[in-house]
C-alpha atoms as a PDB file:
ATOM      1  CA  UNK A   1      -0.836  15.594  28.323  1.00  0.00           C
ATOM      2  CA  UNK A   2      -4.255  16.014  29.979  1.00  0.00           C
ATOM      3  CA  UNK A   3      -7.084  13.838  28.767  1.00  0.00           C
ATOM      4  CA  UNK A   4     -10.611  12.874  29.618  1.00  0.00           C
ATOM      5  CA  UNK A   5     -10.537   9.526  31.434  1.00  0.00           C
ATOM      6  CA  UNK A   6     -12.152   6.531  29.837  1.00  0.00           C
ATOM      7  CA  UNK A   7     -14.909   4.800  31.800  1.00  0.00           C
ATOM      8  CA  UNK A   8     -12.622   2.141  33.268  1.00  0.00           C
ATOM      9  CA  UNK A   9     -10.037   4.816  34.169  1.00  0.00           C
ATOM     10  CA  UNK A  10     -12.379   6.761  36.456  1.00  0.00           C
ATOM     11  CA  UNK A  11     -11.136   5.128  39.704  1.00  0.00           C
ATOM     12  CA  UNK A  12      -7.633   6.277  38.741  1.00  0.00           C
ATOM     13  CA  UNK A  13      -8.845   9.792  37.911  1.00  0.00           C
ATOM     14  CA  UNK A  14     -10.623  10.062  41.279  1.00  0.00           C
ATOM     15  CA  UNK A  15      -7.493   9.059  43.185  1.00  0.00           C
ATOM     16  CA  UNK A  16      -5.383  11.469  41.117  1.00  0.00           C
ATOM     17  CA  UNK A  17      -7.838  14.255  42.009  1.00  0.00           C
ATOM     18  CA  UNK A  18      -7.692  13.404  45.712  1.00  0.00           C
ATOM     19  CA  UNK A  19      -3.902  13.297  45.614  1.00  0.00           C
ATOM     20  CA  UNK A  20      -3.688  16.692  43.937  1.00  0.00           C
ATOM     21  CA  UNK A  21      -6.074  18.243  46.484  1.00  0.00           C
ATOM     22  CA  UNK A  22      -4.003  16.828  49.348  1.00  0.00           C
ATOM     23  CA  UNK A  23      -0.785  18.202  47.865  1.00  0.00           C
ATOM     24  CA  UNK A  24      -2.395  21.606  47.314  1.00  0.00           C
ATOM     25  CA  UNK A  25      -3.649  21.636  50.905  1.00  0.00           C
ATOM     26  CA  UNK A  26      -0.222  20.719  52.267  1.00  0.00           C
ATOM     27  CA  UNK A  27       1.407  23.509  50.253  1.00  0.00           C
ATOM     28  CA  UNK A  28      -1.183  26.232  50.850  1.00  0.00           C
ATOM     29  CA  UNK A  29      -1.617  25.608  54.572  1.00  0.00           C
ATOM     30  CA  UNK A  30       1.973  24.539  55.260  1.00  0.00           C
ATOM     31  CA  UNK A  31       0.813  21.241  56.808  1.00  0.00           C
ATOM     32  CA  UNK A  32       2.851  18.034  56.924  1.00  0.00           C
ATOM     33  CA  UNK A  33       0.697  15.473  55.115  1.00  0.00           C
ATOM     34  CA  UNK A  34       3.606  13.396  53.841  1.00  0.00           C
ATOM     35  CA  UNK A  35       2.398  10.099  55.352  1.00  0.00           C
ATOM     36  CA  UNK A  36      -1.132  10.574  53.959  1.00  0.00           C
ATOM     37  CA  UNK A  37       0.266  11.558  50.554  1.00  0.00           C
ATOM     38  CA  UNK A  38       2.553   8.508  50.478  1.00  0.00           C
ATOM     39  CA  UNK A  39      -0.335   6.204  51.376  1.00  0.00           C
ATOM     40  CA  UNK A  40      -2.494   7.703  48.618  1.00  0.00           C
ATOM     41  CA  UNK A  41       0.367   7.459  46.112  1.00  0.00           C
ATOM     42  CA  UNK A  42       0.764   3.781  46.935  1.00  0.00           C
ATOM     43  CA  UNK A  43      -2.967   3.205  46.533  1.00  0.00           C
ATOM     44  CA  UNK A  44      -2.902   5.028  43.201  1.00  0.00           C
ATOM     45  CA  UNK A  45       0.019   2.921  41.958  1.00  0.00           C
ATOM     46  CA  UNK A  46      -1.762  -0.287  43.005  1.00  0.00           C
ATOM     47  CA  UNK A  47      -4.961   0.800  41.267  1.00  0.00           C
ATOM     48  CA  UNK A  48      -3.120   1.682  38.072  1.00  0.00           C
ATOM     49  CA  UNK A  49      -1.324  -1.667  38.033  1.00  0.00           C
ATOM     50  CA  UNK A  50      -4.524  -3.588  38.724  1.00  0.00           C
ATOM     51  CA  UNK A  51      -6.364  -1.867  35.854  1.00  0.00           C
ATOM     52  CA  UNK A  52      -3.680  -1.552  33.184  1.00  0.00           C
ATOM     53  CA  UNK A  53      -2.196  -5.018  33.662  1.00  0.00           C
ATOM     54  CA  UNK A  54      -5.599  -6.659  33.173  1.00  0.00           C
ATOM     55  CA  UNK A  55      -7.109  -4.751  30.265  1.00  0.00           C
ATOM     56  CA  UNK A  56      -9.863  -6.485  28.319  1.00  0.00           C
ATOM     57  CA  UNK A  57      -9.836  -6.446  24.500  1.00  0.00           C
ATOM     58  CA  UNK A  58     -12.692  -3.885  24.523  1.00  0.00           C
ATOM     59  CA  UNK A  59     -10.768  -1.603  26.871  1.00  0.00           C
ATOM     60  CA  UNK A  60      -7.785  -1.803  24.522  1.00  0.00           C
ATOM     61  CA  UNK A  61     -10.079  -0.811  21.645  1.00  0.00           C
ATOM     62  CA  UNK A  62     -11.135   2.264  23.620  1.00  0.00           C
ATOM     63  CA  UNK A  63      -7.503   3.202  24.236  1.00  0.00           C
ATOM     64  CA  UNK A  64      -6.678   2.614  20.544  1.00  0.00           C
ATOM     65  CA  UNK A  65      -9.333   5.204  19.616  1.00  0.00           C
ATOM     66  CA  UNK A  66      -8.328   7.821  22.187  1.00  0.00           C
ATOM     67  CA  UNK A  67      -8.183  11.253  20.552  1.00  0.00           C
ATOM     68  CA  UNK A  68      -4.970  12.154  22.412  1.00  0.00           C
ATOM     69  CA  UNK A  69      -3.201   9.046  21.158  1.00  0.00           C
ATOM     70  CA  UNK A  70      -0.185   9.834  18.938  1.00  0.00           C
ATOM     71  CA  UNK A  71      -1.066   9.616  15.256  1.00  0.00           C
ATOM     72  CA  UNK A  72       1.065   8.765  12.250  1.00  0.00           C
ATOM     73  CA  UNK A  73       2.584  12.234  11.773  1.00  0.00           C
ATOM     74  CA  UNK A  74       3.279  12.512  15.521  1.00  0.00           C
ATOM     75  CA  UNK A  75       5.434   9.398  15.292  1.00  0.00           C
ATOM     76  CA  UNK A  76       7.037  10.617  12.076  1.00  0.00           C
ATOM     77  CA  UNK A  77       8.131  13.853  13.771  1.00  0.00           C
ATOM     78  CA  UNK A  78       9.578  12.041  16.811  1.00  0.00           C
ATOM     79  CA  UNK A  79      11.003   8.892  15.229  1.00  0.00           C
ATOM     80  CA  UNK A  80      12.220   9.905  11.766  1.00  0.00           C
ATOM     81  CA  UNK A  81      14.520  12.661  10.532  1.00  0.00           C
ATOM     82  CA  UNK A  82      14.334  14.842   7.408  1.00  0.00           C
ATOM     83  CA  UNK A  83      10.793  13.801   6.508  1.00  0.00           C
ATOM     84  CA  UNK A  84       9.848  15.131   3.070  1.00  0.00           C
ATOM     85  CA  UNK A  85       6.181  14.593   2.285  1.00  0.00           C
ATOM     86  CA  UNK A  86       5.302  13.691  -1.301  1.00  0.00           C
ATOM     87  CA  UNK A  87       1.840  14.284  -2.693  1.00  0.00           C
ATOM     88  CA  UNK A  88      -0.571  12.903  -5.251  1.00  0.00           C
ATOM     89  CA  UNK A  89      -1.335   9.595  -6.929  1.00  0.00           C
ATOM     90  CA  UNK A  90      -0.684  10.996 -10.440  1.00  0.00           C
ATOM     91  CA  UNK A  91      -4.230   9.991 -11.399  1.00  0.00           C
ATOM     92  CA  UNK A  92      -6.844  11.897  -9.367  1.00  0.00           C
ATOM     93  CA  UNK A  93      -5.304  13.948  -6.592  1.00  0.00           C
ATOM     94  CA  UNK A  94      -3.796  13.944  -3.132  1.00  0.00           C
ATOM     95  CA  UNK A  95      -5.411  12.130  -0.202  1.00  0.00           C
ATOM     96  CA  UNK A  96      -4.590  13.772   3.121  1.00  0.00           C
ATOM     97  CA  UNK A  97      -5.789  10.693   4.990  1.00  0.00           C
ATOM     98  CA  UNK A  98      -2.696   8.873   3.658  1.00  0.00           C
ATOM     99  CA  UNK A  99       0.448  11.009   3.995  1.00  0.00           C
ATOM    100  CA  UNK A 100       3.771   9.619   2.894  1.00  0.00           C
ATOM    101  CA  UNK A 101       7.240  10.561   1.806  1.00  0.00           C
ATOM    102  CA  UNK A 102      10.974  10.164   2.219  1.00  0.00           C
ATOM    103  CA  UNK A 103      12.644  10.111   5.630  1.00  0.00           C
ATOM    104  CA  UNK A 104      15.605   8.806   7.575  1.00  0.00           C
ATOM    105  CA  UNK A 105      15.600   6.446  10.532  1.00  0.00           C
ATOM    106  CA  UNK A 106      18.902   6.408  12.433  1.00  0.00           C
ATOM    107  CA  UNK A 107      20.655   7.511   9.240  1.00  0.00           C
ATOM    108  CA  UNK A 108      18.917   4.918   7.034  1.00  0.00           C
ATOM    109  CA  UNK A 109      16.914   6.400   4.156  1.00  0.00           C
ATOM    110  CA  UNK A 110      13.416   4.948   3.825  1.00  0.00           C
ATOM    111  CA  UNK A 111       9.893   5.612   2.587  1.00  0.00           C
ATOM    112  CA  UNK A 112       7.200   6.176   5.226  1.00  0.00           C
ATOM    113  CA  UNK A 113       3.480   5.887   4.498  1.00  0.00           C
ATOM    114  CA  UNK A 114       0.480   5.722   6.796  1.00  0.00           C
ATOM    115  CA  UNK A 115      -2.991   6.789   7.847  1.00  0.00           C
ATOM    116  CA  UNK A 116      -3.500  10.133   9.549  1.00  0.00           C
ATOM    117  CA  UNK A 117      -6.498  11.041  11.713  1.00  0.00           C
ATOM    118  CA  UNK A 118      -7.487  14.421  13.138  1.00  0.00           C
ATOM    119  CA  UNK A 119      -8.057  15.522  16.733  1.00  0.00           C
ATOM    120  CA  UNK A 120     -10.921  17.927  16.129  1.00  0.00           C
ATOM    121  CA  UNK A 121     -13.737  18.280  13.623  1.00  0.00           C
ATOM    122  CA  UNK A 122     -11.751  20.478  11.245  1.00  0.00           C
ATOM    123  CA  UNK A 123      -8.751  18.143  11.180  1.00  0.00           C
ATOM    124  CA  UNK A 124     -10.928  15.059  10.864  1.00  0.00           C
ATOM    125  CA  UNK A 125     -12.743  16.520   7.873  1.00  0.00           C
ATOM    126  CA  UNK A 126      -9.401  17.351   6.280  1.00  0.00           C
ATOM    127  CA  UNK A 127      -8.027  13.853   7.013  1.00  0.00           C
ATOM    128  CA  UNK A 128     -11.359  12.097   6.389  1.00  0.00           C
ATOM    129  CA  UNK A 129     -11.205  10.550   9.875  1.00  0.00           C
ATOM    130  CA  UNK A 130      -8.212   8.466   8.784  1.00  0.00           C
ATOM    131  CA  UNK A 131     -10.249   6.616   6.144  1.00  0.00           C
ATOM    132  CA  UNK A 132      -8.328   6.785   2.889  1.00  0.00           C
ATOM    133  CA  UNK A 133      -9.804   7.133  -0.600  1.00  0.00           C
ATOM    134  CA  UNK A 134      -8.619   5.121  -3.629  1.00  0.00           C
ATOM    135  CA  UNK A 135      -6.111   7.861  -4.443  1.00  0.00           C
ATOM    136  CA  UNK A 136      -4.574   7.401  -0.995  1.00  0.00           C
ATOM    137  CA  UNK A 137      -3.821   3.749  -1.688  1.00  0.00           C
ATOM    138  CA  UNK A 138      -2.594   4.556  -5.188  1.00  0.00           C
ATOM    139  CA  UNK A 139      -0.311   7.251  -3.765  1.00  0.00           C
ATOM    140  CA  UNK A 140       1.010   4.739  -1.230  1.00  0.00           C
ATOM    141  CA  UNK A 141       1.725   2.263  -4.034  1.00  0.00           C
ATOM    142  CA  UNK A 142       3.469   4.954  -6.087  1.00  0.00           C
ATOM    143  CA  UNK A 143       5.749   5.713  -3.136  1.00  0.00           C
ATOM    144  CA  UNK A 144       6.434   2.023  -2.500  1.00  0.00           C
ATOM    145  CA  UNK A 145       7.365   1.492  -6.146  1.00  0.00           C
ATOM    146  CA  UNK A 146       9.694   4.475  -5.848  1.00  0.00           C
ATOM    147  CA  UNK A 147      11.218   2.840  -2.757  1.00  0.00           C
ATOM    148  CA  UNK A 148      11.839  -0.333  -4.749  1.00  0.00           C
ATOM    149  CA  UNK A 149      13.425   1.626  -7.585  1.00  0.00           C
ATOM    150  CA  UNK A 150      15.952   3.220  -5.227  1.00  0.00           C
ATOM    151  CA  UNK A 151      16.402   0.242  -2.917  1.00  0.00           C
ATOM    152  CA  UNK A 152      14.800   1.854   0.136  1.00  0.00           C
ATOM    153  CA  UNK A 153      12.898  -0.005   2.872  1.00  0.00           C
ATOM    154  CA  UNK A 154       9.241   0.847   3.464  1.00  0.00           C
ATOM    155  CA  UNK A 155       7.690   1.633   6.846  1.00  0.00           C
ATOM    156  CA  UNK A 156       3.874   1.584   6.923  1.00  0.00           C
ATOM    157  CA  UNK A 157       2.102   3.124   9.930  1.00  0.00           C
ATOM    158  CA  UNK A 158      -1.469   1.810  10.136  1.00  0.00           C
ATOM    159  CA  UNK A 159      -4.235   3.659  11.997  1.00  0.00           C
ATOM    160  CA  UNK A 160      -7.650   3.579  10.349  1.00  0.00           C
ATOM    161  CA  UNK A 161     -11.174   2.416  11.130  1.00  0.00           C
ATOM    162  CA  UNK A 162     -11.295   1.257   7.496  1.00  0.00           C
ATOM    163  CA  UNK A 163     -11.092   2.532   3.936  1.00  0.00           C
ATOM    164  CA  UNK A 164     -13.642   5.202   3.017  1.00  0.00           C
ATOM    165  CA  UNK A 165     -16.920   3.474   2.013  1.00  0.00           C
ATOM    166  CA  UNK A 166     -18.547   6.412   0.193  1.00  0.00           C
ATOM    167  CA  UNK A 167     -20.059   6.411  -3.280  1.00  0.00           C
ATOM    168  CA  UNK A 168     -17.193   8.475  -4.697  1.00  0.00           C
ATOM    169  CA  UNK A 169     -14.648   5.954  -3.443  1.00  0.00           C
ATOM    170  CA  UNK A 170     -16.653   3.138  -5.027  1.00  0.00           C
ATOM    171  CA  UNK A 171     -16.863   5.043  -8.306  1.00  0.00           C
ATOM    172  CA  UNK A 172     -13.076   5.455  -8.315  1.00  0.00           C
ATOM    173  CA  UNK A 173     -12.721   1.730  -7.571  1.00  0.00           C
ATOM    174  CA  UNK A 174     -11.357   1.517  -4.050  1.00  0.00           C
ATOM    175  CA  UNK A 175     -11.603  -2.281  -4.060  1.00  0.00           C
ATOM    176  CA  UNK A 176      -9.261  -2.445  -7.057  1.00  0.00           C
ATOM    177  CA  UNK A 177      -6.853   0.044  -5.449  1.00  0.00           C
ATOM    178  CA  UNK A 178      -6.566  -2.038  -2.276  1.00  0.00           C
ATOM    179  CA  UNK A 179      -6.379  -5.330  -4.168  1.00  0.00           C
ATOM    180  CA  UNK A 180      -3.573  -4.012  -6.348  1.00  0.00           C
ATOM    181  CA  UNK A 181      -1.644  -2.915  -3.260  1.00  0.00           C
ATOM    182  CA  UNK A 182      -1.966  -6.407  -1.781  1.00  0.00           C
ATOM    183  CA  UNK A 183      -0.608  -7.962  -4.960  1.00  0.00           C
ATOM    184  CA  UNK A 184       2.211  -5.498  -5.506  1.00  0.00           C
ATOM    185  CA  UNK A 185       3.344  -5.401  -1.868  1.00  0.00           C
ATOM    186  CA  UNK A 186       3.668  -9.180  -1.887  1.00  0.00           C
ATOM    187  CA  UNK A 187       6.258  -8.917  -4.675  1.00  0.00           C
ATOM    188  CA  UNK A 188       8.032  -5.700  -3.613  1.00  0.00           C
ATOM    189  CA  UNK A 189      11.781  -6.441  -3.554  1.00  0.00           C
ATOM    190  CA  UNK A 190      12.650  -4.259  -0.563  1.00  0.00           C
ATOM    191  CA  UNK A 191      12.063  -4.752   3.185  1.00  0.00           C
ATOM    192  CA  UNK A 192       8.621  -3.725   4.479  1.00  0.00           C
ATOM    193  CA  UNK A 193       7.787  -3.149   8.143  1.00  0.00           C
ATOM    194  CA  UNK A 194       4.196  -2.342   9.109  1.00  0.00           C
ATOM    195  CA  UNK A 195       3.128  -1.055  12.522  1.00  0.00           C
ATOM    196  CA  UNK A 196      -0.495  -0.940  13.716  1.00  0.00           C
ATOM    197  CA  UNK A 197      -0.536   2.254  15.799  1.00  0.00           C
ATOM    198  CA  UNK A 198      -4.153   2.322  16.956  1.00  0.00           C
ATOM    199  CA  UNK A 199      -7.004   1.076  14.819  1.00  0.00           C
ATOM    200  CA  UNK A 200      -6.282  -1.549  12.193  1.00  0.00           C
ATOM    201  CA  UNK A 201      -9.620  -1.793  10.447  1.00  0.00           C
ATOM    202  CA  UNK A 202     -10.427  -4.200   7.624  1.00  0.00           C
ATOM    203  CA  UNK A 203      -9.063  -3.776   4.091  1.00  0.00           C
ATOM    204  CA  UNK A 204      -8.241  -0.174   4.888  1.00  0.00           C
ATOM    205  CA  UNK A 205      -5.475  -1.428   7.164  1.00  0.00           C
ATOM    206  CA  UNK A 206      -4.454  -4.396   5.028  1.00  0.00           C
ATOM    207  CA  UNK A 207      -4.052  -2.131   1.975  1.00  0.00           C
ATOM    208  CA  UNK A 208      -0.675  -1.024   3.357  1.00  0.00           C
ATOM    209  CA  UNK A 209      -0.184  -3.980   5.697  1.00  0.00           C
ATOM    210  CA  UNK A 210       1.409  -6.703   3.554  1.00  0.00           C
ATOM    211  CA  UNK A 211       4.845  -6.656   5.165  1.00  0.00           C
ATOM    212  CA  UNK A 212       7.845  -8.757   6.115  1.00  0.00           C
ATOM    213  CA  UNK A 213       7.312  -7.807   9.750  1.00  0.00           C
ATOM    214  CA  UNK A 214       3.989  -6.730  11.245  1.00  0.00           C
ATOM    215  CA  UNK A 215       4.250  -4.967  14.595  1.00  0.00           C
ATOM    216  CA  UNK A 216       1.488  -3.704  16.871  1.00  0.00           C
ATOM    217  CA  UNK A 217       1.425  -1.159  19.615  1.00  0.00           C
ATOM    218  CA  UNK A 218       0.366  -2.820  22.862  1.00  0.00           C
ATOM    219  CA  UNK A 219      -3.085  -1.202  22.923  1.00  0.00           C
ATOM    220  CA  UNK A 220      -3.864  -1.323  19.204  1.00  0.00           C
ATOM    221  CA  UNK A 221      -6.334  -3.644  17.520  1.00  0.00           C
ATOM    222  CA  UNK A 222      -6.305  -5.312  14.099  1.00  0.00           C
ATOM    223  CA  UNK A 223      -9.480  -6.795  12.677  1.00  0.00           C
ATOM    224  CA  UNK A 224     -11.546  -7.529   9.589  1.00  0.00           C
ATOM    225  CA  UNK A 225     -14.459  -5.608  11.153  1.00  0.00           C
ATOM    226  CA  UNK A 226     -15.003  -3.346  14.151  1.00  0.00           C
ATOM    227  CA  UNK A 227     -16.375  -4.897  17.356  1.00  0.00           C
ATOM    228  CA  UNK A 228     -19.520  -2.789  16.912  1.00  0.00           C
ATOM    229  CA  UNK A 229     -19.973  -4.057  13.354  1.00  0.00           C
ATOM    230  CA  UNK A 230     -19.508  -7.660  14.440  1.00  0.00           C
ATOM    231  CA  UNK A 231     -21.961  -7.195  17.331  1.00  0.00           C
ATOM    232  CA  UNK A 232     -24.545  -5.666  15.004  1.00  0.00           C
ATOM    233  CA  UNK A 233     -24.316  -8.711  12.709  1.00  0.00           C
ATOM    234  CA  UNK A 234     -24.130 -11.530  15.260  1.00  0.00           C
ATOM    235  CA  UNK A 235     -26.017 -10.098  18.243  1.00  0.00           C
ATOM    236  CA  UNK A 236     -28.164  -7.556  16.352  1.00  0.00           C
ATOM    237  CA  UNK A 237     -27.024  -4.758  18.706  1.00  0.00           C
ATOM    238  CA  UNK A 238     -23.885  -2.656  19.223  1.00  0.00           C
ATOM    239  CA  UNK A 239     -24.128  -3.060  23.006  1.00  0.00           C
ATOM    240  CA  UNK A 240     -22.494  -6.484  22.587  1.00  0.00           C
ATOM    241  CA  UNK A 241     -19.271  -4.911  21.223  1.00  0.00           C
ATOM    242  CA  UNK A 242     -17.251  -5.926  24.342  1.00  0.00           C
ATOM    243  CA  UNK A 243     -18.226  -9.564  23.822  1.00  0.00           C
ATOM    244  CA  UNK A 244     -17.395  -9.311  20.131  1.00  0.00           C
ATOM    245  CA  UNK A 245     -13.966  -7.826  20.878  1.00  0.00           C
ATOM    246  CA  UNK A 246     -13.235 -10.749  23.196  1.00  0.00           C
ATOM    247  CA  UNK A 247     -14.408 -13.392  20.728  1.00  0.00           C
ATOM    248  CA  UNK A 248     -12.676 -11.891  17.683  1.00  0.00           C
ATOM    249  CA  UNK A 249      -9.148 -12.022  19.153  1.00  0.00           C
ATOM    250  CA  UNK A 250      -8.284  -8.561  17.842  1.00  0.00           C
ATOM    251  CA  UNK A 251      -5.853  -7.350  20.518  1.00  0.00           C
ATOM    252  CA  UNK A 252      -2.073  -7.384  20.133  1.00  0.00           C
ATOM    253  CA  UNK A 253      -1.400 -10.194  22.665  1.00  0.00           C
ATOM    254  CA  UNK A 254      -3.966 -12.478  20.994  1.00  0.00           C
ATOM    255  CA  UNK A 255      -2.706 -11.764  17.482  1.00  0.00           C
ATOM    256  CA  UNK A 256       0.903 -12.343  18.517  1.00  0.00           C
ATOM    257  CA  UNK A 257      -0.109 -15.723  19.935  1.00  0.00           C
ATOM    258  CA  UNK A 258      -1.881 -16.563  16.672  1.00  0.00           C
ATOM    259  CA  UNK A 259       1.180 -15.592  14.628  1.00  0.00           C
ATOM    260  CA  UNK A 260      -0.591 -12.771  12.794  1.00  0.00           C
ATOM    261  CA  UNK A 261       1.801 -10.151  14.194  1.00  0.00           C
ATOM    262  CA  UNK A 262       5.519 -10.567  14.822  1.00  0.00           C
ATOM    263  CA  UNK A 263       6.091  -8.211  17.745  1.00  0.00           C
ATOM    264  CA  UNK A 264       4.069  -6.266  20.293  1.00  0.00           C
ATOM    265  CA  UNK A 265       5.541  -2.842  21.077  1.00  0.00           C
ATOM    266  CA  UNK A 266       5.159  -1.908  24.734  1.00  0.00           C
ATOM    267  CA  UNK A 267       3.398   1.351  25.567  1.00  0.00           C
ATOM    268  CA  UNK A 268       3.913   3.562  28.629  1.00  0.00           C
ATOM    269  CA  UNK A 269       1.590   2.607  31.475  1.00  0.00           C
ATOM    270  CA  UNK A 270      -1.933   3.782  30.723  1.00  0.00           C
ATOM    271  CA  UNK A 271      -1.404   3.964  26.966  1.00  0.00           C
ATOM    272  CA  UNK A 272       0.563   5.918  24.388  1.00  0.00           C
ATOM    273  CA  UNK A 273      -1.751   8.920  24.802  1.00  0.00           C
ATOM    274  CA  UNK A 274      -0.218   9.518  28.243  1.00  0.00           C
ATOM    275  CA  UNK A 275       3.377   9.638  26.985  1.00  0.00           C
ATOM    276  CA  UNK A 276       3.923  10.339  23.300  1.00  0.00           C
ATOM    277  CA  UNK A 277       7.699  10.432  23.563  1.00  0.00           C
ATOM    278  CA  UNK A 278       7.950   7.164  25.474  1.00  0.00           C
ATOM    279  CA  UNK A 279       5.752   5.414  22.901  1.00  0.00           C
ATOM    280  CA  UNK A 280       7.790   6.904  20.047  1.00  0.00           C
ATOM    281  CA  UNK A 281      11.084   5.685  21.528  1.00  0.00           C
ATOM    282  CA  UNK A 282       9.711   2.150  21.828  1.00  0.00           C
ATOM    283  CA  UNK A 283       8.400   2.231  18.256  1.00  0.00           C
ATOM    284  CA  UNK A 284      11.684   3.587  16.894  1.00  0.00           C
ATOM    285  CA  UNK A 285      13.730   0.878  18.599  1.00  0.00           C
ATOM    286  CA  UNK A 286      11.426  -1.904  17.365  1.00  0.00           C
ATOM    287  CA  UNK A 287      11.316  -0.710  13.743  1.00  0.00           C
ATOM    288  CA  UNK A 288      15.058  -0.110  13.650  1.00  0.00           C
ATOM    289  CA  UNK A 289      15.745  -3.587  15.021  1.00  0.00           C
ATOM    290  CA  UNK A 290      13.478  -5.209  12.425  1.00  0.00           C
ATOM    291  CA  UNK A 291      14.987  -3.232   9.544  1.00  0.00           C
ATOM    292  CA  UNK A 292      18.494  -4.184  10.670  1.00  0.00           C
ATOM    293  CA  UNK A 293      17.531  -7.867  10.505  1.00  0.00           C
ATOM    294  CA  UNK A 294      15.753  -7.585   7.151  1.00  0.00           C
ATOM    295  CA  UNK A 295      18.666  -5.685   5.606  1.00  0.00           C
ATOM    296  CA  UNK A 296      20.750  -8.876   5.879  1.00  0.00           C
ATOM    297  CA  UNK A 297      18.478 -10.721   3.417  1.00  0.00           C
ATOM    298  CA  UNK A 298      18.742 -10.658  -0.358  1.00  0.00           C
ATOM    299  CA  UNK A 299      15.551  -9.896  -2.343  1.00  0.00           C
ATOM    300  CA  UNK A 300      14.880 -13.520  -3.225  1.00  0.00           C
ATOM    301  CA  UNK A 301      15.078 -14.630   0.396  1.00  0.00           C
ATOM    302  CA  UNK A 302      12.906 -11.676   1.420  1.00  0.00           C
ATOM    303  CA  UNK A 303      10.147 -12.598  -1.050  1.00  0.00           C
ATOM    304  CA  UNK A 304      10.194 -16.274  -0.111  1.00  0.00           C
ATOM    305  CA  UNK A 305       9.953 -15.514   3.607  1.00  0.00           C
ATOM    306  CA  UNK A 306       7.142 -12.993   3.028  1.00  0.00           C
ATOM    307  CA  UNK A 307       5.182 -15.569   1.031  1.00  0.00           C
ATOM    308  CA  UNK A 308       5.601 -18.221   3.717  1.00  0.00           C
ATOM    309  CA  UNK A 309       4.685 -15.747   6.454  1.00  0.00           C
ATOM    310  CA  UNK A 310       1.245 -15.054   5.011  1.00  0.00           C
ATOM    311  CA  UNK A 311       0.664 -18.687   4.076  1.00  0.00           C
ATOM    312  CA  UNK A 312       1.253 -19.767   7.667  1.00  0.00           C
ATOM    313  CA  UNK A 313      -0.454 -16.938   9.602  1.00  0.00           C
ATOM    314  CA  UNK A 314      -3.233 -17.830  12.031  1.00  0.00           C
ATOM    315  CA  UNK A 315      -4.433 -21.118  13.465  1.00  0.00           C
ATOM    316  CA  UNK A 316      -6.961 -23.651  12.220  1.00  0.00           C
ATOM    317  CA  UNK A 317      -9.012 -26.119  14.211  1.00  0.00           C
ATOM    318  CA  UNK A 318     -10.478 -29.217  12.563  1.00  0.00           C
ATOM    319  CA  UNK A 319     -13.509 -30.920  14.078  1.00  0.00           C
END
């Protein structure tokens, strides 16, 4: 899939352009440039490794927001079978920023919910840029309660900059909707696996993120506030977002070390936006493995472990 390179990817893009020109020249003029092509391929591989194996937290944030990155419904179509979307919160309406429904994963019936972004202006307006309204969280809760009724595990796919902060959302009590989800998910008597696909922003992410296992894609981020928001508060300017991203420990490796997430799902080199299928295979294997383990627990054990998980998350330093 073609994509516009990010700023730190430009050295790679330049080498890829040179390599393509050399191959075209060799083909069009019937010239043997095999040694030059091999040398350039080696240089390209070295450059890719040097960049992608040493990504900063801010660079991972940029990858997490890439418009070609696979979104929730992309993963649903490649990972799950027989997805049947269900609509409406039975109170106000249907929120297209929070699709959900019944599906099967390797023959196991489950309920899948998540945030859905758009790739162009029209889609983003329809999906509200992945920022769900109160009815989205209430729909998600309705589906999770249905999962509990029928003994089905829940898979939550998180990808949002945050819940929608508009006046209408406040009028329909988005804070209460998210708070209720936190309370009810903590006592849900079926396995819950949450995966942060790209952006995991604030309460918008946490509203479907109380889970027995929290997984993160390698280049996702999970945070109480965006790096830009943190920079605006602490440094009084968004230009300090890279420093904020570093200080906030919002990347998957940092959060795994802190015990906030249970597993980091590897992405194809360069990010999931370069290889949707490869990313989907890795996500499927990780979720399936976690559900297999959770299926061995009875509801009481599940609830006790979930409680202890959130009580022990993070690290504290005492002066």
